[in-house]
Amino acid sequence: MAFEDRKGELLAAIGYGKSRLDTAKLALNDAGIRHKIRCFSEQD
């Protein structure tokens, strides 16, 4: 029974880590897109 509790904690920790990575990726993508838009609009 103790193993089942630990398994839940582990899955929660993995899920938390993945969501943090996804958030970081989204933030980087967003910054990259904004930079491209800024460069594109400054060309005019």
C-alpha atoms as a PDB file:
ATOM      1  CA  MET A   1       0.000   0.000   0.000  1.00  0.00           C
ATOM      2  CA  ALA A   2       2.863   2.386   0.774  1.00  0.00           C
ATOM      3  CA  PHE A   3       4.215   1.806  -2.732  1.00  0.00           C
ATOM      4  CA  GLU A   4       0.935   2.976  -4.262  1.00  0.00           C
ATOM      5  CA  ASP A   5       1.157   6.228  -2.305  1.00  0.00           C
ATOM      6  CA  ARG A   6       4.729   6.751  -3.468  1.00  0.00           C
ATOM      7  CA  LYS A   7       3.745   5.999  -7.053  1.00  0.00           C
ATOM      8  CA  GLY A   8       1.150   8.765  -6.897  1.00  0.00           C
ATOM      9  CA  GLU A   9       3.716  11.201  -5.531  1.00  0.00           C
ATOM     10  CA  LEU A  10       6.164  10.267  -8.256  1.00  0.00           C
ATOM     11  CA  LEU A  11       3.575  10.719 -11.002  1.00  0.00           C
ATOM     12  CA  ALA A  12       2.588  14.081  -9.535  1.00  0.00           C
ATOM     13  CA  ALA A  13       6.239  15.172  -9.445  1.00  0.00           C
ATOM     14  CA  ILE A  14       6.805  14.061 -13.048  1.00  0.00           C
ATOM     15  CA  GLY A  15       3.629  15.831 -14.151  1.00  0.00           C
ATOM     16  CA  TYR A  16       4.681  18.999 -12.355  1.00  0.00           C
ATOM     17  CA  GLY A  17       8.128  18.900 -13.962  1.00  0.00           C
ATOM     18  CA  LYS A  18       6.673  18.374 -17.425  1.00  0.00           C
ATOM     19  CA  SER A  19       4.209  21.232 -17.066  1.00  0.00           C
ATOM     20  CA  ARG A  20       7.028  23.545 -15.966  1.00  0.00           C
ATOM     21  CA  LEU A  21       9.080  22.563 -19.010  1.00  0.00           C
ATOM     22  CA  ASP A  22       6.099  23.119 -21.308  1.00  0.00           C
ATOM     23  CA  THR A  23       5.541  26.534 -19.757  1.00  0.00           C
ATOM     24  CA  ALA A  24       9.191  27.435 -20.317  1.00  0.00           C
ATOM     25  CA  LYS A  25       9.012  26.273 -23.944  1.00  0.00           C
ATOM     26  CA  LEU A  26       5.857  28.311 -24.545  1.00  0.00           C
ATOM     27  CA  ALA A  27       7.470  31.390 -23.024  1.00  0.00           C
ATOM     28  CA  LEU A  28      10.547  30.985 -25.235  1.00  0.00           C
ATOM     29  CA  ASN A  29       8.425  30.440 -28.345  1.00  0.00           C
ATOM     30  CA  ASP A  30       6.351  33.506 -27.499  1.00  0.00           C
ATOM     31  CA  ALA A  31       9.467  35.643 -27.067  1.00  0.00           C
ATOM     32  CA  GLY A  32      10.891  34.345 -30.358  1.00  0.00           C
ATOM     33  CA  ILE A  33       7.682  35.084 -32.232  1.00  0.00           C
ATOM     34  CA  ARG A  34       7.506  38.589 -30.775  1.00  0.00           C
ATOM     35  CA  HIS A  35      11.104  39.225 -31.836  1.00  0.00           C
ATOM     36  CA  LYS A  36      10.362  38.056 -35.394  1.00  0.00           C
ATOM     37  CA  ILE A  37       7.270  40.258 -35.586  1.00  0.00           C
ATOM     38  CA  ARG A  38       9.259  43.253 -34.321  1.00  0.00           C
ATOM     39  CA  CYS A  39      12.022  42.680 -36.889  1.00  0.00           C
ATOM     40  CA  PHE A  40       9.470  42.211 -39.655  1.00  0.00           C
ATOM     41  CA  SER A  41       7.574  45.398 -38.769  1.00  0.00           C
ATOM     42  CA  GLU A  42      10.810  47.424 -38.533  1.00  0.00           C
ATOM     43  CA  GLN A  43      11.733  46.514 -42.115  1.00  0.00           C
ATOM     44  CA  ASP A  44       9.080  48.858 -43.529  1.00  0.00           C
END
